[in-house]
Amino acid sequence: MTQQQPDDLIWRTAWAWVRREHERDAFDEAARIDMVAWLRADPAHRTAYDKAARLWLLAGLVPPTIDVEAWKKTQGKPTPTDDA
């Protein structure tokens, strides 16, 4: 059995915080306080969190600002502004 490297644990924790932060229902003021305490505990925590947050954005995991299902239903259908 292999032991976990400290960097792996820091990365997994940072990724968990980023995911949790974007799940608005699961991220209340108490969670924010816990996250800030974790970030301040070690500079490596902040570095890993920043990388995880960038990865989240680059991967397109930001919640959509439009109703994707409604948009899919309108594809190929004329809109009121289309000239038919």
Protein backbone atom coordinates (compact mmCIF):
# COMPACT_ATOMS: atom_id res chain seq x y z
CA MET A 1 0.00 0.00 0.00
CA THR A 2 1.42 3.40 -0.95
CA GLN A 3 1.38 6.36 1.36
CA GLN A 4 -0.24 9.53 0.22
CA GLN A 5 2.07 12.42 -0.51
CA PRO A 6 1.32 15.66 1.37
CA ASP A 7 0.98 17.50 -1.96
CA ASP A 8 -1.70 15.04 -3.06
CA LEU A 9 -3.69 15.66 0.11
CA ILE A 10 -3.33 19.43 -0.27
CA TRP A 11 -4.44 19.26 -3.90
CA ARG A 12 -7.44 17.05 -3.12
CA THR A 13 -8.47 19.34 -0.28
CA ALA A 14 -8.10 22.45 -2.46
CA TRP A 15 -10.16 20.83 -5.22
CA ALA A 16 -12.83 19.85 -2.67
CA TRP A 17 -13.02 23.46 -1.44
CA VAL A 18 -13.38 24.81 -4.98
CA ARG A 19 -16.14 22.32 -5.77
CA ARG A 20 -17.91 22.99 -2.49
CA GLU A 21 -17.66 26.75 -2.98
CA HIS A 22 -19.49 26.45 -6.30
CA GLU A 23 -22.23 24.33 -4.76
CA ARG A 24 -23.96 27.32 -3.24
CA ASP A 25 -26.36 25.23 -1.13
CA ALA A 26 -23.44 23.50 0.61
CA PHE A 27 -21.30 26.60 1.14
CA ASP A 28 -22.53 28.75 3.99
CA GLU A 29 -20.75 31.24 6.24
CA ALA A 30 -19.38 28.47 8.46
CA ALA A 31 -17.88 26.75 5.41
CA ARG A 32 -16.34 30.03 4.27
CA ILE A 33 -14.73 30.51 7.70
CA ASP A 34 -13.34 26.95 7.59
CA MET A 35 -12.00 27.46 4.08
CA VAL A 36 -10.29 30.74 4.96
CA ALA A 37 -8.69 29.11 8.01
CA TRP A 38 -7.40 26.29 5.80
CA LEU A 39 -6.07 28.76 3.23
CA ARG A 40 -4.22 30.74 5.91
CA ALA A 41 -2.72 27.67 7.58
CA ASP A 42 -0.06 27.12 4.91
CA PRO A 43 1.02 29.04 1.78
CA ALA A 44 0.90 25.74 -0.13
CA HIS A 45 -2.84 25.59 0.56
CA ARG A 46 -3.43 28.93 -1.16
CA THR A 47 -1.25 27.95 -4.11
CA ALA A 48 -3.15 24.69 -4.59
CA TYR A 49 -6.50 26.44 -4.19
CA ASP A 50 -5.60 29.05 -6.82
CA LYS A 51 -4.58 26.31 -9.26
CA ALA A 52 -7.77 24.35 -8.57
CA ALA A 53 -9.91 27.47 -9.06
CA ARG A 54 -8.22 28.19 -12.40
CA LEU A 55 -8.72 24.60 -13.48
CA TRP A 56 -12.40 24.82 -12.54
CA LEU A 57 -12.83 27.88 -14.75
CA LEU A 58 -10.77 26.50 -17.61
CA ALA A 59 -12.69 23.25 -17.60
CA GLY A 60 -15.93 25.11 -18.10
CA LEU A 61 -17.45 23.90 -14.89
CA VAL A 62 -18.85 27.33 -14.10
CA PRO A 63 -22.64 27.05 -13.86
CA PRO A 64 -24.30 28.29 -17.06
CA THR A 65 -26.02 31.66 -16.98
CA ILE A 66 -28.75 30.43 -19.32
CA ASP A 67 -31.28 27.65 -19.00
CA VAL A 68 -29.46 25.03 -21.09
CA GLU A 69 -32.48 22.74 -21.42
CA ALA A 70 -34.68 25.59 -22.68
CA TRP A 71 -31.94 26.62 -25.11
CA LYS A 72 -31.68 23.08 -26.48
CA LYS A 73 -35.43 23.00 -27.14
CA THR A 74 -35.23 26.16 -29.26
CA GLN A 75 -32.42 25.00 -31.53
CA GLY A 76 -33.48 24.98 -35.14
CA LYS A 77 -36.70 26.87 -34.42
CA PRO A 78 -37.21 30.43 -35.61
CA THR A 79 -37.20 33.13 -32.97
CA PRO A 80 -39.41 36.23 -33.04
CA THR A 81 -36.47 38.27 -34.37
CA ASP A 82 -35.73 35.87 -37.25
CA ASP A 83 -36.93 36.92 -40.69
CA ALA A 84 -38.83 34.02 -42.20
